[in-house]
Amino acid sequence: MLKRIGVLVVIVVLFVAMIVFTSNNPGSVEIDYLFGTATTSLPLAFTIVFVAGWCFGLLSVSIYVLKIISERRRLRKALSLSESEVSSLRNLPLQDAD
């Protein structure tokens, strides 16, 4: 519940910041691409760059998380194998050391 409220507060703060930024920067900007140019408003250009950066960050983090999940799966299998080996060793009868 607290996590949802925190996410909602962050979204509202970002939305308010976007409105304030948009109202204070009504100008336009020309963007030069490799094959041409485009003219757009400054807030739209910043929003597109922000979203692209957010997506790149999300992709980078997801690759790291997938590596961690893979390692976790491997470690769980090794733990299961070790536990079964210990269990089988406990069930062996003790032999006299004559």
PDB file of N, CA and C in Angstrom:
ATOM      1  N   MET A   1       0.823  -1.198   0.000  1.00  0.00           N
ATOM      2  CA  MET A   1       0.000   0.000   0.000  1.00  0.00           C
ATOM      3  C   MET A   1       0.867   1.262   0.000  1.00  0.00           C
ATOM      4  N   LEU A   2       1.880   1.250   0.862  1.00  0.00           N
ATOM      5  CA  LEU A   2       2.761   2.410   0.959  1.00  0.00           C
ATOM      6  C   LEU A   2       3.561   2.606  -0.330  1.00  0.00           C
ATOM      7  N   LYS A   3       3.918   1.494  -0.973  1.00  0.00           N
ATOM      8  CA  LYS A   3       4.664   1.571  -2.233  1.00  0.00           C
ATOM      9  C   LYS A   3       3.806   2.214  -3.323  1.00  0.00           C
ATOM     10  N   ARG A   4       2.532   1.851  -3.374  1.00  0.00           N
ATOM     11  CA  ARG A   4       1.637   2.445  -4.373  1.00  0.00           C
ATOM     12  C   ARG A   4       1.457   3.939  -4.156  1.00  0.00           C
ATOM     13  N   ILE A   5       1.354   4.340  -2.896  1.00  0.00           N
ATOM     14  CA  ILE A   5       1.214   5.768  -2.586  1.00  0.00           C
ATOM     15  C   ILE A   5       2.476   6.508  -3.010  1.00  0.00           C
ATOM     16  N   GLY A   6       3.655   5.908  -2.759  1.00  0.00           N
ATOM     17  CA  GLY A   6       4.919   6.527  -3.163  1.00  0.00           C
ATOM     18  C   GLY A   6       5.018   6.683  -4.667  1.00  0.00           C
ATOM     19  N   VAL A   7       4.618   5.655  -5.407  1.00  0.00           N
ATOM     20  CA  VAL A   7       4.646   5.724  -6.870  1.00  0.00           C
ATOM     21  C   VAL A   7       3.679   6.803  -7.361  1.00  0.00           C
ATOM     22  N   LEU A   8       2.508   6.874  -6.759  1.00  0.00           N
ATOM     23  CA  LEU A   8       1.527   7.885  -7.140  1.00  0.00           C
ATOM     24  C   LEU A   8       2.052   9.291  -6.870  1.00  0.00           C
ATOM     25  N   VAL A   9       2.714   9.481  -5.741  1.00  0.00           N
ATOM     26  CA  VAL A   9       3.276  10.799  -5.418  1.00  0.00           C
ATOM     27  C   VAL A   9       4.354  11.173  -6.432  1.00  0.00           C
ATOM     28  N   VAL A  10       5.213  10.231  -6.800  1.00  0.00           N
ATOM     29  CA  VAL A  10       6.265  10.505  -7.785  1.00  0.00           C
ATOM     30  C   VAL A  10       5.650  10.876  -9.138  1.00  0.00           C
ATOM     31  N   ILE A  11       4.603  10.171  -9.548  1.00  0.00           N
ATOM     32  CA  ILE A  11       3.942  10.465 -10.822  1.00  0.00           C
ATOM     33  C   ILE A  11       3.322  11.859 -10.791  1.00  0.00           C
ATOM     34  N   VAL A  12       2.674  12.200  -9.700  1.00  0.00           N
ATOM     35  CA  VAL A  12       2.051  13.525  -9.590  1.00  0.00           C
ATOM     36  C   VAL A  12       3.118  14.624  -9.612  1.00  0.00           C
ATOM     37  N   VAL A  13       4.225  14.410  -8.906  1.00  0.00           N
ATOM     38  CA  VAL A  13       5.300  15.412  -8.886  1.00  0.00           C
ATOM     39  C   VAL A  13       5.893  15.587 -10.287  1.00  0.00           C
ATOM     40  N   LEU A  14       6.118  14.480 -11.000  1.00  0.00           N
ATOM     41  CA  LEU A  14       6.633  14.578 -12.364  1.00  0.00           C
ATOM     42  C   LEU A  14       5.648  15.290 -13.288  1.00  0.00           C
ATOM     43  N   PHE A  15       4.366  15.011 -13.122  1.00  0.00           N
ATOM     44  CA  PHE A  15       3.351  15.654 -13.950  1.00  0.00           C
ATOM     45  C   PHE A  15       3.314  17.159 -13.687  1.00  0.00           C
ATOM     46  N   VAL A  16       3.371  17.552 -12.429  1.00  0.00           N
ATOM     47  CA  VAL A  16       3.368  18.980 -12.084  1.00  0.00           C
ATOM     48  C   VAL A  16       4.637  19.648 -12.617  1.00  0.00           C
ATOM     49  N   ALA A  17       5.785  18.980 -12.484  1.00  0.00           N
ATOM     50  CA  ALA A  17       7.028  19.548 -13.006  1.00  0.00           C
ATOM     51  C   ALA A  17       6.958  19.707 -14.520  1.00  0.00           C
ATOM     52  N   MET A  18       6.331  18.738 -15.194  1.00  0.00           N
ATOM     53  CA  MET A  18       6.182  18.826 -16.643  1.00  0.00           C
ATOM     54  C   MET A  18       5.294  20.011 -17.028  1.00  0.00           C
ATOM     55  N   ILE A  19       4.216  20.225 -16.294  1.00  0.00           N
ATOM     56  CA  ILE A  19       3.334  21.355 -16.594  1.00  0.00           C
ATOM     57  C   ILE A  19       4.055  22.682 -16.376  1.00  0.00           C
ATOM     58  N   VAL A  20       4.804  22.799 -15.272  1.00  0.00           N
ATOM     59  CA  VAL A  20       5.539  24.031 -14.992  1.00  0.00           C
ATOM     60  C   VAL A  20       6.607  24.265 -16.055  1.00  0.00           C
ATOM     61  N   PHE A  21       7.327  23.222 -16.438  1.00  0.00           N
ATOM     62  CA  PHE A  21       8.365  23.347 -17.459  1.00  0.00           C
ATOM     63  C   PHE A  21       7.761  23.752 -18.793  1.00  0.00           C
ATOM     64  N   THR A  22       6.623  23.150 -19.143  1.00  0.00           N
ATOM     65  CA  THR A  22       5.978  23.466 -20.414  1.00  0.00           C
ATOM     66  C   THR A  22       5.497  24.908 -20.458  1.00  0.00           C
ATOM     67  N   SER A  23       4.940  25.372 -19.357  1.00  0.00           N
ATOM     68  CA  SER A  23       4.430  26.748 -19.345  1.00  0.00           C
ATOM     69  C   SER A  23       5.553  27.778 -19.348  1.00  0.00           C
ATOM     70  N   ASN A  24       6.715  27.435 -18.813  1.00  0.00           N
ATOM     71  CA  ASN A  24       7.825  28.389 -18.762  1.00  0.00           C
ATOM     72  C   ASN A  24       8.716  28.361 -20.005  1.00  0.00           C
ATOM     73  N   ASN A  25       8.578  27.350 -20.863  1.00  0.00           N
ATOM     74  CA  ASN A  25       9.420  27.214 -22.051  1.00  0.00           C
ATOM     75  C   ASN A  25       8.563  26.975 -23.301  1.00  0.00           C
ATOM     76  N   PRO A  26       7.927  28.014 -23.817  1.00  0.00           N
ATOM     77  CA  PRO A  26       7.032  27.806 -24.959  1.00  0.00           C
ATOM     78  C   PRO A  26       7.751  27.787 -26.313  1.00  0.00           C
ATOM     79  N   GLY A  27       9.047  27.910 -26.335  1.00  0.00           N
ATOM     80  CA  GLY A  27       9.794  28.019 -27.590  1.00  0.00           C
ATOM     81  C   GLY A  27       9.859  26.713 -28.361  1.00  0.00           C
ATOM     82  N   SER A  28      10.429  26.827 -29.543  1.00  0.00           N
ATOM     83  CA  SER A  28      10.601  25.641 -30.381  1.00  0.00           C
ATOM     84  C   SER A  28      12.088  25.424 -30.621  1.00  0.00           C
ATOM     85  N   VAL A  29      12.414  24.197 -31.031  1.00  0.00           N
ATOM     86  CA  VAL A  29      13.801  23.826 -31.250  1.00  0.00           C
ATOM     87  C   VAL A  29      13.875  23.033 -32.559  1.00  0.00           C
ATOM     88  N   GLU A  30      14.977  23.206 -33.269  1.00  0.00           N
ATOM     89  CA  GLU A  30      15.180  22.466 -34.515  1.00  0.00           C
ATOM     90  C   GLU A  30      16.156  21.324 -34.230  1.00  0.00           C
ATOM     91  N   ILE A  31      15.749  20.126 -34.580  1.00  0.00           N
ATOM     92  CA  ILE A  31      16.556  18.931 -34.332  1.00  0.00           C
ATOM     93  C   ILE A  31      17.103  18.449 -35.673  1.00  0.00           C
ATOM     94  N   ASP A  32      18.425  18.320 -35.765  1.00  0.00           N
ATOM     95  CA  ASP A  32      19.082  17.855 -36.990  1.00  0.00           C
ATOM     96  C   ASP A  32      19.328  16.358 -36.883  1.00  0.00           C
ATOM     97  N   TYR A  33      18.699  15.595 -37.768  1.00  0.00           N
ATOM     98  CA  TYR A  33      18.919  14.153 -37.851  1.00  0.00           C
ATOM     99  C   TYR A  33      19.970  13.886 -38.918  1.00  0.00           C
ATOM    100  N   LEU A  34      20.311  12.638 -39.065  1.00  0.00           N
ATOM    101  CA  LEU A  34      21.268  12.260 -40.099  1.00  0.00           C
ATOM    102  C   LEU A  34      20.693  12.504 -41.494  1.00  0.00           C
ATOM    103  N   PHE A  35      19.372  12.289 -41.642  1.00  0.00           N
ATOM    104  CA  PHE A  35      18.736  12.396 -42.961  1.00  0.00           C
ATOM    105  C   PHE A  35      17.807  13.600 -43.095  1.00  0.00           C
ATOM    106  N   GLY A  36      17.792  14.499 -42.125  1.00  0.00           N
ATOM    107  CA  GLY A  36      16.918  15.662 -42.243  1.00  0.00           C
ATOM    108  C   GLY A  36      16.839  16.424 -40.940  1.00  0.00           C
ATOM    109  N   THR A  37      15.877  17.330 -40.884  1.00  0.00           N
ATOM    110  CA  THR A  37      15.667  18.131 -39.682  1.00  0.00           C
ATOM    111  C   THR A  37      14.193  18.128 -39.333  1.00  0.00           C
ATOM    112  N   ALA A  38      13.916  18.445 -38.079  1.00  0.00           N
ATOM    113  CA  ALA A  38      12.532  18.556 -37.611  1.00  0.00           C
ATOM    114  C   ALA A  38      12.469  19.697 -36.612  1.00  0.00           C
ATOM    115  N   THR A  39      11.358  20.427 -36.639  1.00  0.00           N
ATOM    116  CA  THR A  39      11.130  21.501 -35.686  1.00  0.00           C
ATOM    117  C   THR A  39      10.011  21.076 -34.752  1.00  0.00           C
ATOM    118  N   THR A  40      10.271  21.172 -33.462  1.00  0.00           N
ATOM    119  CA  THR A  40       9.289  20.768 -32.460  1.00  0.00           C
ATOM    120  C   THR A  40       9.389  21.689 -31.255  1.00  0.00           C
ATOM    121  N   SER A  41       8.434  21.599 -30.375  1.00  0.00           N
ATOM    122  CA  SER A  41       8.483  22.431 -29.176  1.00  0.00           C
ATOM    123  C   SER A  41       9.544  21.891 -28.223  1.00  0.00           C
ATOM    124  N   LEU A  42      10.104  22.770 -27.451  1.00  0.00           N
ATOM    125  CA  LEU A  42      11.163  22.406 -26.520  1.00  0.00           C
ATOM    126  C   LEU A  42      10.689  21.392 -25.471  1.00  0.00           C
ATOM    127  N   PRO A  43       9.517  21.575 -24.861  1.00  0.00           N
ATOM    128  CA  PRO A  43       9.058  20.575 -23.882  1.00  0.00           C
ATOM    129  C   PRO A  43       8.847  19.188 -24.496  1.00  0.00           C
ATOM    130  N   LEU A  44       8.360  19.140 -25.741  1.00  0.00           N
ATOM    131  CA  LEU A  44       8.172  17.845 -26.392  1.00  0.00           C
ATOM    132  C   LEU A  44       9.512  17.170 -26.647  1.00  0.00           C
ATOM    133  N   ALA A  45      10.505  17.946 -27.055  1.00  0.00           N
ATOM    134  CA  ALA A  45      11.837  17.384 -27.294  1.00  0.00           C
ATOM    135  C   ALA A  45      12.424  16.836 -25.993  1.00  0.00           C
ATOM    136  N   PHE A  46      12.291  17.587 -24.894  1.00  0.00           N
ATOM    137  CA  PHE A  46      12.788  17.100 -23.609  1.00  0.00           C
ATOM    138  C   PHE A  46      12.030  15.869 -23.142  1.00  0.00           C
ATOM    139  N   THR A  47      10.734  15.821 -23.375  1.00  0.00           N
ATOM    140  CA  THR A  47       9.931  14.663 -22.986  1.00  0.00           C
ATOM    141  C   THR A  47      10.361  13.424 -23.758  1.00  0.00           C
ATOM    142  N   ILE A  48      10.602  13.580 -25.049  1.00  0.00           N
ATOM    143  CA  ILE A  48      11.033  12.441 -25.867  1.00  0.00           C
ATOM    144  C   ILE A  48      12.398  11.939 -25.403  1.00  0.00           C
ATOM    145  N   VAL A  49      13.311  12.860 -25.124  1.00  0.00           N
ATOM    146  CA  VAL A  49      14.640  12.460 -24.654  1.00  0.00           C
ATOM    147  C   VAL A  49      14.546  11.796 -23.280  1.00  0.00           C
ATOM    148  N   PHE A  50      13.693  12.320 -22.405  1.00  0.00           N
ATOM    149  CA  PHE A  50      13.507  11.722 -21.083  1.00  0.00           C
ATOM    150  C   PHE A  50      12.964  10.305 -21.202  1.00  0.00           C
ATOM    151  N   VAL A  51      11.952  10.101 -22.032  1.00  0.00           N
ATOM    152  CA  VAL A  51      11.358   8.773 -22.204  1.00  0.00           C
ATOM    153  C   VAL A  51      12.365   7.811 -22.827  1.00  0.00           C
ATOM    154  N   ALA A  52      13.128   8.279 -23.801  1.00  0.00           N
ATOM    155  CA  ALA A  52      14.142   7.421 -24.421  1.00  0.00           C
ATOM    156  C   ALA A  52      15.212   7.024 -23.406  1.00  0.00           C
ATOM    157  N   GLY A  53      15.641   7.950 -22.587  1.00  0.00           N
ATOM    158  CA  GLY A  53      16.619   7.635 -21.541  1.00  0.00           C
ATOM    159  C   GLY A  53      16.056   6.683 -20.509  1.00  0.00           C
ATOM    160  N   TRP A  54      14.798   6.876 -20.145  1.00  0.00           N
ATOM    161  CA  TRP A  54      14.143   5.977 -19.189  1.00  0.00           C
ATOM    162  C   TRP A  54      14.061   4.570 -19.757  1.00  0.00           C
ATOM    163  N   CYS A  55      13.695   4.453 -21.023  1.00  0.00           N
ATOM    164  CA  CYS A  55      13.615   3.122 -21.665  1.00  0.00           C
ATOM    165  C   CYS A  55      14.990   2.462 -21.733  1.00  0.00           C
ATOM    166  N   PHE A  56      16.028   3.229 -22.049  1.00  0.00           N
ATOM    167  CA  PHE A  56      17.382   2.683 -22.088  1.00  0.00           C
ATOM    168  C   PHE A  56      17.807   2.215 -20.703  1.00  0.00           C
ATOM    169  N   GLY A  57      17.507   2.989 -19.674  1.00  0.00           N
ATOM    170  CA  GLY A  57      17.825   2.593 -18.303  1.00  0.00           C
ATOM    171  C   GLY A  57      17.076   1.339 -17.893  1.00  0.00           C
ATOM    172  N   LEU A  58      15.811   1.258 -18.276  1.00  0.00           N
ATOM    173  CA  LEU A  58      15.007   0.074 -17.967  1.00  0.00           C
ATOM    174  C   LEU A  58      15.570  -1.155 -18.666  1.00  0.00           C
ATOM    175  N   LEU A  59      15.997  -1.006 -19.893  1.00  0.00           N
ATOM    176  CA  LEU A  59      16.611  -2.115 -20.632  1.00  0.00           C
ATOM    177  C   LEU A  59      17.913  -2.557 -19.961  1.00  0.00           C
ATOM    178  N   SER A  60      18.730  -1.602 -19.548  1.00  0.00           N
ATOM    179  CA  SER A  60      19.990  -1.929 -18.884  1.00  0.00           C
ATOM    180  C   SER A  60      19.749  -2.667 -17.575  1.00  0.00           C
ATOM    181  N   VAL A  61      18.806  -2.201 -16.800  1.00  0.00           N
ATOM    182  CA  VAL A  61      18.505  -2.848 -15.521  1.00  0.00           C
ATOM    183  C   VAL A  61      17.898  -4.225 -15.740  1.00  0.00           C
ATOM    184  N   SER A  62      17.067  -4.378 -16.766  1.00  0.00           N
ATOM    185  CA  SER A  62      16.439  -5.682 -17.001  1.00  0.00           C
ATOM    186  C   SER A  62      17.476  -6.725 -17.395  1.00  0.00           C
ATOM    187  N   ILE A  63      18.507  -6.337 -18.128  1.00  0.00           N
ATOM    188  CA  ILE A  63      19.579  -7.279 -18.473  1.00  0.00           C
ATOM    189  C   ILE A  63      20.293  -7.731 -17.201  1.00  0.00           C
ATOM    190  N   TYR A  64      20.564  -6.803 -16.292  1.00  0.00           N
ATOM    191  CA  TYR A  64      21.209  -7.131 -15.020  1.00  0.00           C
ATOM    192  C   TYR A  64      20.306  -8.038 -14.177  1.00  0.00           C
ATOM    193  N   VAL A  65      19.027  -7.745 -14.140  1.00  0.00           N
ATOM    194  CA  VAL A  65      18.083  -8.554 -13.359  1.00  0.00           C
ATOM    195  C   VAL A  65      17.978  -9.964 -13.938  1.00  0.00           C
ATOM    196  N   LEU A  66      17.973 -10.097 -15.240  1.00  0.00           N
ATOM    197  CA  LEU A  66      17.928 -11.432 -15.849  1.00  0.00           C
ATOM    198  C   LEU A  66      19.173 -12.245 -15.503  1.00  0.00           C
ATOM    199  N   LYS A  67      20.335 -11.600 -15.451  1.00  0.00           N
ATOM    200  CA  LYS A  67      21.547 -12.300 -15.039  1.00  0.00           C
ATOM    201  C   LYS A  67      21.426 -12.775 -13.595  1.00  0.00           C
ATOM    202  N   ILE A  68      20.900 -11.936 -12.727  1.00  0.00           N
ATOM    203  CA  ILE A  68      20.737 -12.303 -11.322  1.00  0.00           C
ATOM    204  C   ILE A  68      19.742 -13.446 -11.183  1.00  0.00           C
ATOM    205  N   ILE A  69      18.649 -13.408 -11.926  1.00  0.00           N
ATOM    206  CA  ILE A  69      17.652 -14.483 -11.868  1.00  0.00           C
ATOM    207  C   ILE A  69      18.260 -15.793 -12.336  1.00  0.00           C
ATOM    208  N   SER A  70      19.066 -15.751 -13.382  1.00  0.00           N
ATOM    209  CA  SER A  70      19.725 -16.957 -13.879  1.00  0.00           C
ATOM    210  C   SER A  70      20.675 -17.522 -12.830  1.00  0.00           C
ATOM    211  N   GLU A  71      21.456 -16.658 -12.201  1.00  0.00           N
ATOM    212  CA  GLU A  71      22.381 -17.116 -11.166  1.00  0.00           C
ATOM    213  C   GLU A  71      21.617 -17.677  -9.967  1.00  0.00           C
ATOM    214  N   ARG A  72      20.529 -17.042  -9.609  1.00  0.00           N
ATOM    215  CA  ARG A  72      19.701 -17.523  -8.493  1.00  0.00           C
ATOM    216  C   ARG A  72      19.151 -18.922  -8.793  1.00  0.00           C
ATOM    217  N   ARG A  73      18.693 -19.145 -10.005  1.00  0.00           N
ATOM    218  CA  ARG A  73      18.178 -20.457 -10.405  1.00  0.00           C
ATOM    219  C   ARG A  73      19.277 -21.515 -10.323  1.00  0.00           C
ATOM    220  N   ARG A  74      20.482 -21.157 -10.786  1.00  0.00           N
ATOM    221  CA  ARG A  74      21.611 -22.087 -10.731  1.00  0.00           C
ATOM    222  C   ARG A  74      21.975 -22.411  -9.284  1.00  0.00           C
ATOM    223  N   LEU A  75      21.989 -21.405  -8.425  1.00  0.00           N
ATOM    224  CA  LEU A  75      22.329 -21.631  -7.020  1.00  0.00           C
ATOM    225  C   LEU A  75      21.266 -22.456  -6.301  1.00  0.00           C
ATOM    226  N   ARG A  76      19.991 -22.257  -6.640  1.00  0.00           N
ATOM    227  CA  ARG A  76      18.928 -23.074  -6.033  1.00  0.00           C
ATOM    228  C   ARG A  76      19.073 -24.539  -6.422  1.00  0.00           C
ATOM    229  N   LYS A  77      19.431 -24.801  -7.680  1.00  0.00           N
ATOM    230  CA  LYS A  77      19.637 -26.181  -8.111  1.00  0.00           C
ATOM    231  C   LYS A  77      20.822 -26.802  -7.375  1.00  0.00           C
ATOM    232  N   ALA A  78      21.906 -26.037  -7.224  1.00  0.00           N
ATOM    233  CA  ALA A  78      23.074 -26.547  -6.503  1.00  0.00           C
ATOM    234  C   ALA A  78      22.729 -26.801  -5.036  1.00  0.00           C
ATOM    235  N   LEU A  79      21.954 -25.932  -4.430  1.00  0.00           N
ATOM    236  CA  LEU A  79      21.527 -26.113  -3.046  1.00  0.00           C
ATOM    237  C   LEU A  79      20.663 -27.351  -2.901  1.00  0.00           C
ATOM    238  N   SER A  80      19.752 -27.545  -3.823  1.00  0.00           N
ATOM    239  CA  SER A  80      18.887 -28.723  -3.787  1.00  0.00           C
ATOM    240  C   SER A  80      19.711 -29.998  -3.907  1.00  0.00           C
ATOM    241  N   LEU A  81      20.688 -30.003  -4.801  1.00  0.00           N
ATOM    242  CA  LEU A  81      21.559 -31.160  -4.966  1.00  0.00           C
ATOM    243  C   LEU A  81      22.361 -31.416  -3.692  1.00  0.00           C
ATOM    244  N   SER A  82      22.896 -30.372  -3.085  1.00  0.00           N
ATOM    245  CA  SER A  82      23.662 -30.513  -1.842  1.00  0.00           C
ATOM    246  C   SER A  82      22.789 -31.021  -0.704  1.00  0.00           C
ATOM    247  N   GLU A  83      21.570 -30.492  -0.607  1.00  0.00           N
ATOM    248  CA  GLU A  83      20.661 -30.950   0.448  1.00  0.00           C
ATOM    249  C   GLU A  83      20.299 -32.415   0.275  1.00  0.00           C
ATOM    250  N   SER A  84      20.077 -32.851  -0.944  1.00  0.00           N
ATOM    251  CA  SER A  84      19.748 -34.261  -1.158  1.00  0.00           C
ATOM    252  C   SER A  84      20.963 -35.149  -0.859  1.00  0.00           C
ATOM    253  N   GLU A  85      22.158 -34.673  -1.160  1.00  0.00           N
ATOM    254  CA  GLU A  85      23.363 -35.437  -0.848  1.00  0.00           C
ATOM    255  C   GLU A  85      23.556 -35.557   0.662  1.00  0.00           C
ATOM    256  N   VAL A  86      23.345 -34.472   1.396  1.00  0.00           N
ATOM    257  CA  VAL A  86      23.459 -34.505   2.853  1.00  0.00           C
ATOM    258  C   VAL A  86      22.405 -35.428   3.438  1.00  0.00           C
ATOM    259  N   SER A  87      21.209 -35.368   2.915  1.00  0.00           N
ATOM    260  CA  SER A  87      20.127 -36.233   3.399  1.00  0.00           C
ATOM    261  C   SER A  87      20.457 -37.703   3.162  1.00  0.00           C
ATOM    262  N   SER A  88      21.011 -38.032   2.011  1.00  0.00           N
ATOM    263  CA  SER A  88      21.362 -39.429   1.737  1.00  0.00           C
ATOM    264  C   SER A  88      22.523 -39.889   2.612  1.00  0.00           C
ATOM    265  N   LEU A  89      23.450 -38.987   2.927  1.00  0.00           N
ATOM    266  CA  LEU A  89      24.555 -39.345   3.815  1.00  0.00           C
ATOM    267  C   LEU A  89      24.078 -39.555   5.244  1.00  0.00           C
ATOM    268  N   ARG A  90      23.085 -38.836   5.671  1.00  0.00           N
ATOM    269  CA  ARG A  90      22.539 -39.012   7.016  1.00  0.00           C
ATOM    270  C   ARG A  90      21.821 -40.351   7.150  1.00  0.00           C
ATOM    271  N   ASN A  91      21.280 -40.839   6.072  1.00  0.00           N
ATOM    272  CA  ASN A  91      20.527 -42.091   6.112  1.00  0.00           C
ATOM    273  C   ASN A  91      21.422 -43.322   6.034  1.00  0.00           C
ATOM    274  N   LEU A  92      22.705 -43.166   5.743  1.00  0.00           N
ATOM    275  CA  LEU A  92      23.610 -44.297   5.680  1.00  0.00           C
ATOM    276  C   LEU A  92      23.844 -44.838   7.102  1.00  0.00           C
ATOM    277  N   PRO A  93      23.894 -46.155   7.247  1.00  0.00           N
ATOM    278  CA  PRO A  93      24.163 -46.714   8.568  1.00  0.00           C
ATOM    279  C   PRO A  93      25.627 -46.496   8.952  1.00  0.00           C
ATOM    280  N   LEU A  94      25.868 -46.318  10.234  1.00  0.00           N
ATOM    281  CA  LEU A  94      27.228 -46.129  10.724  1.00  0.00           C
ATOM    282  C   LEU A  94      27.926 -47.476  10.763  1.00  0.00           C
ATOM    283  N   GLN A  95      29.158 -47.512  10.342  1.00  0.00           N
ATOM    284  CA  GLN A  95      29.921 -48.757  10.347  1.00  0.00           C
ATOM    285  C   GLN A  95      30.922 -48.721  11.503  1.00  0.00           C
ATOM    286  N   ASP A  96      31.157 -49.904  12.077  1.00  0.00           N
ATOM    287  CA  ASP A  96      32.135 -49.990  13.163  1.00  0.00           C
ATOM    288  C   ASP A  96      33.530 -49.825  12.587  1.00  0.00           C
ATOM    289  N   ALA A  97      34.370 -49.133  13.317  1.00  0.00           N
ATOM    290  CA  ALA A  97      35.751 -48.926  12.896  1.00  0.00           C
ATOM    291  C   ALA A  97      36.636 -49.965  13.572  1.00  0.00           C
ATOM    292  N   ASP A  98      36.520 -51.228  13.177  1.00  0.00           N
ATOM    293  CA  ASP A  98      37.299 -52.308  13.787  1.00  0.00           C
ATOM    294  C   ASP A  98      38.675 -52.376  13.226  1.00  0.00           C
TER     295      ASP A  98
END
